[in-house]
């Protein structure tokens, strides 16, 4: 018994050491949840502005991230929690440029290009940056169900998975035993529902026996979720069906427990 206990302790110690010595393993799941803001900083003539300071701030949390543009004027800010962000761009010889209310959905790359005006750094100009109609940073085909839809659309049973009917190519599975945990499972793009993959804030959220979601979060805990249906990246290569990523920043409370 003593030898068995020592072996168990050695195995546990080895796992802990692996996680401590290889922090990259801890990011594998997180990469599925966070978003990224990319873009290019140019002057009025269209020339790149290298070494410009780009500060990305989440007003709700007060957390800021700062990066520098490269020689081509490009910048990239990764591992951002889904939400609304403001961008501030500064460089000597140019007015400070600010971009307000940039929405960053879950598991999404958003492009924000900034044109800086020549002037003093102490002057600030607000830049209106519209999101491009075509996402050139990611080839994934998916649908984001935002917080407004989660809150306002009627749900008999308060199961967020019923909102998957908003996703093109999604049909209910119809199996009774799959609804026992609350909510329906769906087939997307002609694949079986057993081929779906669920993540909860980037963490594996699949029930292995019935092949559906393991945890059904409350509607009040959902900020938004994204369903990726085609051309998903390698980090989502586990399932042939849809990839459902859910963010859970609490942003509202409801007065009732059931909407009919």
C-alpha atoms as a PDB file:
ATOM      1  CA  UNK A   1       0.000   0.000   0.000  1.00  0.00           C
ATOM      2  CA  UNK A   2       2.833   2.335   0.849  1.00  0.00           C
ATOM      3  CA  UNK A   3       4.513   1.701  -2.506  1.00  0.00           C
ATOM      4  CA  UNK A   4       1.222   2.340  -4.303  1.00  0.00           C
ATOM      5  CA  UNK A   5       0.792   5.636  -2.455  1.00  0.00           C
ATOM      6  CA  UNK A   6       4.330   6.688  -3.353  1.00  0.00           C
ATOM      7  CA  UNK A   7       3.700   5.908  -7.034  1.00  0.00           C
ATOM      8  CA  UNK A   8       0.483   7.946  -7.003  1.00  0.00           C
ATOM      9  CA  UNK A   9       2.300  10.863  -5.415  1.00  0.00           C
ATOM     10  CA  UNK A  10       5.047  10.613  -8.037  1.00  0.00           C
ATOM     11  CA  UNK A  11       2.506  10.632 -10.896  1.00  0.00           C
ATOM     12  CA  UNK A  12       0.660  13.628  -9.423  1.00  0.00           C
ATOM     13  CA  UNK A  13       3.939  15.443  -8.897  1.00  0.00           C
ATOM     14  CA  UNK A  14       4.907  14.734 -12.499  1.00  0.00           C
ATOM     15  CA  UNK A  15       1.636  16.182 -13.827  1.00  0.00           C
ATOM     16  CA  UNK A  16       2.002  19.330 -11.707  1.00  0.00           C
ATOM     17  CA  UNK A  17       5.606  19.719 -12.841  1.00  0.00           C
ATOM     18  CA  UNK A  18       4.532  19.340 -16.469  1.00  0.00           C
ATOM     19  CA  UNK A  19       1.958  22.119 -16.110  1.00  0.00           C
ATOM     20  CA  UNK A  20       4.391  24.398 -14.283  1.00  0.00           C
ATOM     21  CA  UNK A  21       7.319  23.818 -16.614  1.00  0.00           C
ATOM     22  CA  UNK A  22       5.199  23.969 -19.760  1.00  0.00           C
ATOM     23  CA  UNK A  23       2.758  26.893 -19.346  1.00  0.00           C
ATOM     24  CA  UNK A  24       1.916  26.657 -23.041  1.00  0.00           C
ATOM     25  CA  UNK A  25      -0.341  23.707 -22.193  1.00  0.00           C
ATOM     26  CA  UNK A  26      -2.482  25.974 -20.032  1.00  0.00           C
ATOM     27  CA  UNK A  27      -3.148  28.238 -23.025  1.00  0.00           C
ATOM     28  CA  UNK A  28      -4.450  25.549 -25.365  1.00  0.00           C
ATOM     29  CA  UNK A  29      -8.038  25.909 -24.155  1.00  0.00           C
ATOM     30  CA  UNK A  30      -7.826  29.649 -23.563  1.00  0.00           C
ATOM     31  CA  UNK A  31      -6.955  30.273 -27.205  1.00  0.00           C
ATOM     32  CA  UNK A  32     -10.420  29.043 -28.138  1.00  0.00           C
ATOM     33  CA  UNK A  33     -12.158  31.762 -26.118  1.00  0.00           C
ATOM     34  CA  UNK A  34     -10.112  34.947 -26.396  1.00  0.00           C
ATOM     35  CA  UNK A  35     -10.310  37.392 -29.291  1.00  0.00           C
ATOM     36  CA  UNK A  36      -7.701  39.369 -31.210  1.00  0.00           C
ATOM     37  CA  UNK A  37      -7.560  42.950 -32.514  1.00  0.00           C
ATOM     38  CA  UNK A  38      -5.298  43.611 -35.501  1.00  0.00           C
ATOM     39  CA  UNK A  39      -4.818  46.517 -37.856  1.00  0.00           C
ATOM     40  CA  UNK A  40      -2.520  48.944 -39.672  1.00  0.00           C
ATOM     41  CA  UNK A  41      -1.582  52.487 -38.661  1.00  0.00           C
ATOM     42  CA  UNK A  42      -0.961  54.923 -41.549  1.00  0.00           C
ATOM     43  CA  UNK A  43      -0.546  58.672 -42.128  1.00  0.00           C
ATOM     44  CA  UNK A  44      -2.894  60.762 -44.359  1.00  0.00           C
ATOM     45  CA  UNK A  45      -0.858  59.802 -47.465  1.00  0.00           C
ATOM     46  CA  UNK A  46      -1.287  56.081 -46.758  1.00  0.00           C
ATOM     47  CA  UNK A  47       2.310  55.513 -45.666  1.00  0.00           C
ATOM     48  CA  UNK A  48       2.906  53.160 -42.739  1.00  0.00           C
ATOM     49  CA  UNK A  49       3.620  54.603 -39.298  1.00  0.00           C
ATOM     50  CA  UNK A  50       6.140  52.288 -37.588  1.00  0.00           C
ATOM     51  CA  UNK A  51       6.850  52.224 -33.837  1.00  0.00           C
ATOM     52  CA  UNK A  52       3.490  53.800 -32.985  1.00  0.00           C
ATOM     53  CA  UNK A  53       2.118  53.020 -29.524  1.00  0.00           C
ATOM     54  CA  UNK A  54      -1.268  51.244 -29.627  1.00  0.00           C
ATOM     55  CA  UNK A  55      -3.145  50.956 -26.315  1.00  0.00           C
ATOM     56  CA  UNK A  56      -6.226  48.729 -26.113  1.00  0.00           C
ATOM     57  CA  UNK A  57      -8.470  49.238 -23.069  1.00  0.00           C
ATOM     58  CA  UNK A  58     -11.547  47.414 -21.802  1.00  0.00           C
ATOM     59  CA  UNK A  59     -13.655  50.109 -20.048  1.00  0.00           C
ATOM     60  CA  UNK A  60     -15.614  47.501 -18.071  1.00  0.00           C
ATOM     61  CA  UNK A  61     -12.531  45.992 -16.437  1.00  0.00           C
ATOM     62  CA  UNK A  62     -10.113  48.911 -16.750  1.00  0.00           C
ATOM     63  CA  UNK A  63      -7.433  46.537 -18.066  1.00  0.00           C
ATOM     64  CA  UNK A  64      -5.157  47.880 -20.828  1.00  0.00           C
ATOM     65  CA  UNK A  65      -2.705  46.257 -23.230  1.00  0.00           C
ATOM     66  CA  UNK A  66      -0.023  48.178 -25.129  1.00  0.00           C
ATOM     67  CA  UNK A  67       1.882  47.140 -28.243  1.00  0.00           C
ATOM     68  CA  UNK A  68       4.049  48.813 -30.901  1.00  0.00           C
ATOM     69  CA  UNK A  69       3.508  48.801 -34.663  1.00  0.00           C
ATOM     70  CA  UNK A  70       6.121  47.050 -36.783  1.00  0.00           C
ATOM     71  CA  UNK A  71       8.029  48.465 -39.785  1.00  0.00           C
ATOM     72  CA  UNK A  72       4.919  48.011 -41.959  1.00  0.00           C
ATOM     73  CA  UNK A  73       2.682  49.816 -39.470  1.00  0.00           C
ATOM     74  CA  UNK A  74       0.924  46.611 -38.449  1.00  0.00           C
ATOM     75  CA  UNK A  75      -0.070  45.744 -34.878  1.00  0.00           C
ATOM     76  CA  UNK A  76      -1.639  42.718 -33.201  1.00  0.00           C
ATOM     77  CA  UNK A  77      -3.147  42.415 -29.710  1.00  0.00           C
ATOM     78  CA  UNK A  78      -4.000  38.835 -28.728  1.00  0.00           C
ATOM     79  CA  UNK A  79      -5.650  37.028 -25.796  1.00  0.00           C
ATOM     80  CA  UNK A  80      -8.345  39.652 -25.213  1.00  0.00           C
ATOM     81  CA  UNK A  81     -11.487  38.818 -23.251  1.00  0.00           C
ATOM     82  CA  UNK A  82     -14.589  39.314 -25.461  1.00  0.00           C
ATOM     83  CA  UNK A  83     -16.191  42.710 -24.869  1.00  0.00           C
ATOM     84  CA  UNK A  84     -16.075  46.351 -25.977  1.00  0.00           C
ATOM     85  CA  UNK A  85     -12.697  48.060 -26.321  1.00  0.00           C
ATOM     86  CA  UNK A  86     -11.251  51.516 -26.978  1.00  0.00           C
ATOM     87  CA  UNK A  87      -8.039  52.031 -28.926  1.00  0.00           C
ATOM     88  CA  UNK A  88      -5.562  54.876 -28.501  1.00  0.00           C
ATOM     89  CA  UNK A  89      -2.714  55.356 -31.002  1.00  0.00           C
ATOM     90  CA  UNK A  90       0.202  57.714 -30.250  1.00  0.00           C
ATOM     91  CA  UNK A  91       3.341  58.736 -32.150  1.00  0.00           C
ATOM     92  CA  UNK A  92       5.551  61.816 -32.141  1.00  0.00           C
ATOM     93  CA  UNK A  93       4.583  64.274 -34.862  1.00  0.00           C
ATOM     94  CA  UNK A  94       0.992  63.048 -35.000  1.00  0.00           C
ATOM     95  CA  UNK A  95      -2.190  63.829 -33.137  1.00  0.00           C
ATOM     96  CA  UNK A  96      -3.325  61.130 -30.728  1.00  0.00           C
ATOM     97  CA  UNK A  97      -6.004  59.006 -32.405  1.00  0.00           C
ATOM     98  CA  UNK A  98      -8.772  57.307 -30.422  1.00  0.00           C
ATOM     99  CA  UNK A  99     -11.255  54.685 -31.622  1.00  0.00           C
ATOM    100  CA  UNK A 100     -14.276  54.221 -29.363  1.00  0.00           C
ATOM    101  CA  UNK A 101     -16.582  51.223 -28.791  1.00  0.00           C
ATOM    102  CA  UNK A 102     -14.911  48.462 -30.781  1.00  0.00           C
ATOM    103  CA  UNK A 103     -16.858  45.232 -30.240  1.00  0.00           C
ATOM    104  CA  UNK A 104     -14.783  42.061 -29.941  1.00  0.00           C
ATOM    105  CA  UNK A 105     -16.919  38.881 -30.124  1.00  0.00           C
ATOM    106  CA  UNK A 106     -15.840  35.552 -28.671  1.00  0.00           C
ATOM    107  CA  UNK A 107     -13.135  33.661 -30.618  1.00  0.00           C
ATOM    108  CA  UNK A 108     -12.958  36.374 -33.276  1.00  0.00           C
ATOM    109  CA  UNK A 109     -10.250  38.476 -34.936  1.00  0.00           C
ATOM    110  CA  UNK A 110     -11.342  42.086 -35.502  1.00  0.00           C
ATOM    111  CA  UNK A 111      -9.494  44.435 -37.847  1.00  0.00           C
ATOM    112  CA  UNK A 112      -9.229  48.131 -36.858  1.00  0.00           C
ATOM    113  CA  UNK A 113      -7.149  50.319 -39.187  1.00  0.00           C
ATOM    114  CA  UNK A 114      -6.216  53.817 -37.994  1.00  0.00           C
ATOM    115  CA  UNK A 115      -5.207  56.891 -40.009  1.00  0.00           C
ATOM    116  CA  UNK A 116      -3.227  59.451 -37.963  1.00  0.00           C
ATOM    117  CA  UNK A 117      -3.269  63.191 -38.602  1.00  0.00           C
ATOM    118  CA  UNK A 118      -0.119  65.284 -38.523  1.00  0.00           C
ATOM    119  CA  UNK A 119      -0.020  67.513 -35.445  1.00  0.00           C
ATOM    120  CA  UNK A 120       0.970  67.691 -31.803  1.00  0.00           C
ATOM    121  CA  UNK A 121       0.734  64.624 -29.594  1.00  0.00           C
ATOM    122  CA  UNK A 122      -1.236  66.664 -27.052  1.00  0.00           C
ATOM    123  CA  UNK A 123      -4.103  67.001 -29.550  1.00  0.00           C
ATOM    124  CA  UNK A 124      -6.609  64.157 -29.683  1.00  0.00           C
ATOM    125  CA  UNK A 125      -8.844  63.233 -32.595  1.00  0.00           C
ATOM    126  CA  UNK A 126     -11.586  60.626 -32.480  1.00  0.00           C
ATOM    127  CA  UNK A 127     -11.394  58.199 -35.400  1.00  0.00           C
ATOM    128  CA  UNK A 128     -14.459  56.427 -36.763  1.00  0.00           C
ATOM    129  CA  UNK A 129     -13.234  52.971 -37.728  1.00  0.00           C
ATOM    130  CA  UNK A 130     -15.808  50.761 -39.427  1.00  0.00           C
ATOM    131  CA  UNK A 131     -15.360  47.008 -39.357  1.00  0.00           C
ATOM    132  CA  UNK A 132     -14.643  45.570 -42.843  1.00  0.00           C
ATOM    133  CA  UNK A 133     -17.438  43.619 -44.493  1.00  0.00           C
ATOM    134  CA  UNK A 134     -15.041  40.769 -45.292  1.00  0.00           C
ATOM    135  CA  UNK A 135     -12.916  39.233 -42.539  1.00  0.00           C
ATOM    136  CA  UNK A 136      -9.490  38.875 -44.158  1.00  0.00           C
ATOM    137  CA  UNK A 137      -7.778  37.725 -40.938  1.00  0.00           C
ATOM    138  CA  UNK A 138      -9.716  34.471 -40.562  1.00  0.00           C
ATOM    139  CA  UNK A 139     -11.314  32.047 -43.025  1.00  0.00           C
ATOM    140  CA  UNK A 140     -13.634  30.429 -40.464  1.00  0.00           C
ATOM    141  CA  UNK A 141     -17.369  30.485 -41.248  1.00  0.00           C
ATOM    142  CA  UNK A 142     -19.431  31.036 -38.119  1.00  0.00           C
ATOM    143  CA  UNK A 143     -22.275  32.889 -36.433  1.00  0.00           C
ATOM    144  CA  UNK A 144     -22.114  34.957 -33.242  1.00  0.00           C
ATOM    145  CA  UNK A 145     -25.297  35.022 -31.136  1.00  0.00           C
ATOM    146  CA  UNK A 146     -24.902  38.258 -29.183  1.00  0.00           C
ATOM    147  CA  UNK A 147     -26.098  39.293 -25.751  1.00  0.00           C
ATOM    148  CA  UNK A 148     -29.152  41.110 -27.118  1.00  0.00           C
ATOM    149  CA  UNK A 149     -30.454  37.924 -28.732  1.00  0.00           C
ATOM    150  CA  UNK A 150     -29.737  35.869 -25.602  1.00  0.00           C
ATOM    151  CA  UNK A 151     -31.670  38.307 -23.395  1.00  0.00           C
ATOM    152  CA  UNK A 152     -34.622  39.286 -25.598  1.00  0.00           C
ATOM    153  CA  UNK A 153     -35.549  36.197 -27.611  1.00  0.00           C
ATOM    154  CA  UNK A 154     -38.156  33.928 -25.951  1.00  0.00           C
ATOM    155  CA  UNK A 155     -36.796  30.643 -24.626  1.00  0.00           C
ATOM    156  CA  UNK A 156     -39.139  27.997 -23.282  1.00  0.00           C
ATOM    157  CA  UNK A 157     -36.902  26.297 -20.745  1.00  0.00           C
ATOM    158  CA  UNK A 158     -34.147  28.948 -20.671  1.00  0.00           C
ATOM    159  CA  UNK A 159     -31.738  26.766 -22.646  1.00  0.00           C
ATOM    160  CA  UNK A 160     -29.252  28.780 -24.677  1.00  0.00           C
ATOM    161  CA  UNK A 161     -28.743  25.885 -27.101  1.00  0.00           C
ATOM    162  CA  UNK A 162     -32.236  26.514 -28.486  1.00  0.00           C
ATOM    163  CA  UNK A 163     -30.781  29.701 -29.985  1.00  0.00           C
ATOM    164  CA  UNK A 164     -28.761  27.491 -32.327  1.00  0.00           C
ATOM    165  CA  UNK A 165     -31.779  27.623 -34.633  1.00  0.00           C
ATOM    166  CA  UNK A 166     -30.477  31.100 -35.557  1.00  0.00           C
ATOM    167  CA  UNK A 167     -27.443  29.464 -37.170  1.00  0.00           C
ATOM    168  CA  UNK A 168     -27.820  28.645 -40.889  1.00  0.00           C
ATOM    169  CA  UNK A 169     -27.833  24.903 -41.533  1.00  0.00           C
ATOM    170  CA  UNK A 170     -28.795  23.987 -37.961  1.00  0.00           C
ATOM    171  CA  UNK A 171     -31.610  21.513 -37.251  1.00  0.00           C
ATOM    172  CA  UNK A 172     -32.733  19.949 -33.918  1.00  0.00           C
ATOM    173  CA  UNK A 173     -31.624  16.412 -33.215  1.00  0.00           C
ATOM    174  CA  UNK A 174     -35.026  15.345 -31.885  1.00  0.00           C
ATOM    175  CA  UNK A 175     -33.763  12.634 -29.515  1.00  0.00           C
ATOM    176  CA  UNK A 176     -35.606  12.809 -26.193  1.00  0.00           C
ATOM    177  CA  UNK A 177     -32.707  11.602 -24.062  1.00  0.00           C
ATOM    178  CA  UNK A 178     -30.575  14.497 -25.256  1.00  0.00           C
ATOM    179  CA  UNK A 179     -32.990  17.029 -23.771  1.00  0.00           C
ATOM    180  CA  UNK A 180     -32.827  15.472 -20.309  1.00  0.00           C
ATOM    181  CA  UNK A 181     -29.925  17.718 -19.313  1.00  0.00           C
ATOM    182  CA  UNK A 182     -31.840  20.823 -20.392  1.00  0.00           C
ATOM    183  CA  UNK A 183     -31.882  22.098 -23.941  1.00  0.00           C
ATOM    184  CA  UNK A 184     -31.714  20.435 -27.326  1.00  0.00           C
ATOM    185  CA  UNK A 185     -28.685  19.248 -29.249  1.00  0.00           C
ATOM    186  CA  UNK A 186     -28.462  20.183 -32.935  1.00  0.00           C
ATOM    187  CA  UNK A 187     -27.002  18.884 -36.165  1.00  0.00           C
ATOM    188  CA  UNK A 188     -25.187  21.511 -38.225  1.00  0.00           C
ATOM    189  CA  UNK A 189     -24.155  21.482 -41.885  1.00  0.00           C
ATOM    190  CA  UNK A 190     -25.286  17.889 -42.351  1.00  0.00           C
ATOM    191  CA  UNK A 191     -23.105  16.457 -39.570  1.00  0.00           C
ATOM    192  CA  UNK A 192     -24.342  14.304 -36.709  1.00  0.00           C
ATOM    193  CA  UNK A 193     -24.971  16.029 -33.392  1.00  0.00           C
ATOM    194  CA  UNK A 194     -22.452  13.644 -31.786  1.00  0.00           C
ATOM    195  CA  UNK A 195     -19.758  15.364 -33.852  1.00  0.00           C
ATOM    196  CA  UNK A 196     -20.238  18.742 -32.188  1.00  0.00           C
ATOM    197  CA  UNK A 197     -17.666  20.225 -29.835  1.00  0.00           C
ATOM    198  CA  UNK A 198     -18.593  22.551 -26.953  1.00  0.00           C
ATOM    199  CA  UNK A 199     -16.261  24.845 -25.024  1.00  0.00           C
ATOM    200  CA  UNK A 200     -17.105  26.986 -21.992  1.00  0.00           C
ATOM    201  CA  UNK A 201     -14.826  30.033 -21.730  1.00  0.00           C
ATOM    202  CA  UNK A 202     -12.330  27.999 -23.736  1.00  0.00           C
ATOM    203  CA  UNK A 203     -12.593  24.934 -21.479  1.00  0.00           C
ATOM    204  CA  UNK A 204     -13.642  21.495 -22.787  1.00  0.00           C
ATOM    205  CA  UNK A 205     -17.409  21.139 -22.124  1.00  0.00           C
ATOM    206  CA  UNK A 206     -18.513  17.823 -23.636  1.00  0.00           C
ATOM    207  CA  UNK A 207     -20.448  14.968 -22.034  1.00  0.00           C
ATOM    208  CA  UNK A 208     -18.986  11.749 -23.379  1.00  0.00           C
ATOM    209  CA  UNK A 209     -21.896   9.301 -22.918  1.00  0.00           C
ATOM    210  CA  UNK A 210     -24.734  11.093 -24.753  1.00  0.00           C
ATOM    211  CA  UNK A 211     -22.279  13.175 -26.829  1.00  0.00           C
ATOM    212  CA  UNK A 212     -23.685  16.587 -25.964  1.00  0.00           C
ATOM    213  CA  UNK A 213     -22.726  19.561 -23.767  1.00  0.00           C
ATOM    214  CA  UNK A 214     -21.701  18.732 -20.200  1.00  0.00           C
ATOM    215  CA  UNK A 215     -22.733  21.975 -18.461  1.00  0.00           C
ATOM    216  CA  UNK A 216     -25.813  24.007 -19.373  1.00  0.00           C
ATOM    217  CA  UNK A 217     -25.089  27.514 -18.027  1.00  0.00           C
ATOM    218  CA  UNK A 218     -27.802  29.914 -16.945  1.00  0.00           C
ATOM    219  CA  UNK A 219     -29.029  32.456 -19.477  1.00  0.00           C
ATOM    220  CA  UNK A 220     -28.098  35.183 -16.974  1.00  0.00           C
ATOM    221  CA  UNK A 221     -24.454  34.089 -17.119  1.00  0.00           C
ATOM    222  CA  UNK A 222     -24.059  34.263 -20.908  1.00  0.00           C
ATOM    223  CA  UNK A 223     -22.541  37.244 -22.646  1.00  0.00           C
ATOM    224  CA  UNK A 224     -22.587  35.693 -26.106  1.00  0.00           C
ATOM    225  CA  UNK A 225     -21.588  32.546 -27.951  1.00  0.00           C
ATOM    226  CA  UNK A 226     -20.220  31.689 -31.365  1.00  0.00           C
ATOM    227  CA  UNK A 227     -20.967  28.680 -33.549  1.00  0.00           C
ATOM    228  CA  UNK A 228     -18.251  27.836 -36.049  1.00  0.00           C
ATOM    229  CA  UNK A 229     -19.611  25.690 -38.850  1.00  0.00           C
ATOM    230  CA  UNK A 230     -16.928  25.477 -41.542  1.00  0.00           C
ATOM    231  CA  UNK A 231     -13.169  25.885 -42.052  1.00  0.00           C
ATOM    232  CA  UNK A 232     -12.346  25.970 -38.349  1.00  0.00           C
ATOM    233  CA  UNK A 233      -8.721  26.424 -37.295  1.00  0.00           C
ATOM    234  CA  UNK A 234      -6.485  23.597 -36.071  1.00  0.00           C
ATOM    235  CA  UNK A 235      -7.181  24.359 -32.401  1.00  0.00           C
ATOM    236  CA  UNK A 236     -10.783  23.246 -32.989  1.00  0.00           C
ATOM    237  CA  UNK A 237      -9.855  20.120 -34.943  1.00  0.00           C
ATOM    238  CA  UNK A 238     -11.421  17.699 -32.489  1.00  0.00           C
ATOM    239  CA  UNK A 239     -14.921  17.545 -33.985  1.00  0.00           C
ATOM    240  CA  UNK A 240     -16.303  17.269 -37.517  1.00  0.00           C
ATOM    241  CA  UNK A 241     -19.529  19.109 -36.623  1.00  0.00           C
ATOM    242  CA  UNK A 242     -19.938  22.578 -35.207  1.00  0.00           C
ATOM    243  CA  UNK A 243     -17.719  24.299 -32.642  1.00  0.00           C
ATOM    244  CA  UNK A 244     -19.718  26.185 -29.991  1.00  0.00           C
ATOM    245  CA  UNK A 245     -17.703  28.708 -27.946  1.00  0.00           C
ATOM    246  CA  UNK A 246     -19.428  30.453 -25.086  1.00  0.00           C
ATOM    247  CA  UNK A 247     -18.438  33.555 -23.112  1.00  0.00           C
ATOM    248  CA  UNK A 248     -19.958  34.067 -19.702  1.00  0.00           C
ATOM    249  CA  UNK A 249     -19.281  37.602 -18.508  1.00  0.00           C
ATOM    250  CA  UNK A 250     -22.433  38.464 -16.545  1.00  0.00           C
ATOM    251  CA  UNK A 251     -23.925  41.586 -18.090  1.00  0.00           C
ATOM    252  CA  UNK A 252     -27.610  41.419 -17.133  1.00  0.00           C
ATOM    253  CA  UNK A 253     -30.114  39.948 -14.741  1.00  0.00           C
ATOM    254  CA  UNK A 254     -33.647  38.860 -15.509  1.00  0.00           C
ATOM    255  CA  UNK A 255     -36.666  39.290 -13.308  1.00  0.00           C
ATOM    256  CA  UNK A 256     -38.161  35.874 -14.032  1.00  0.00           C
ATOM    257  CA  UNK A 257     -36.851  32.346 -14.287  1.00  0.00           C
ATOM    258  CA  UNK A 258     -38.811  31.377 -17.397  1.00  0.00           C
ATOM    259  CA  UNK A 259     -39.684  33.117 -20.633  1.00  0.00           C
ATOM    260  CA  UNK A 260     -42.636  31.640 -22.532  1.00  0.00           C
END
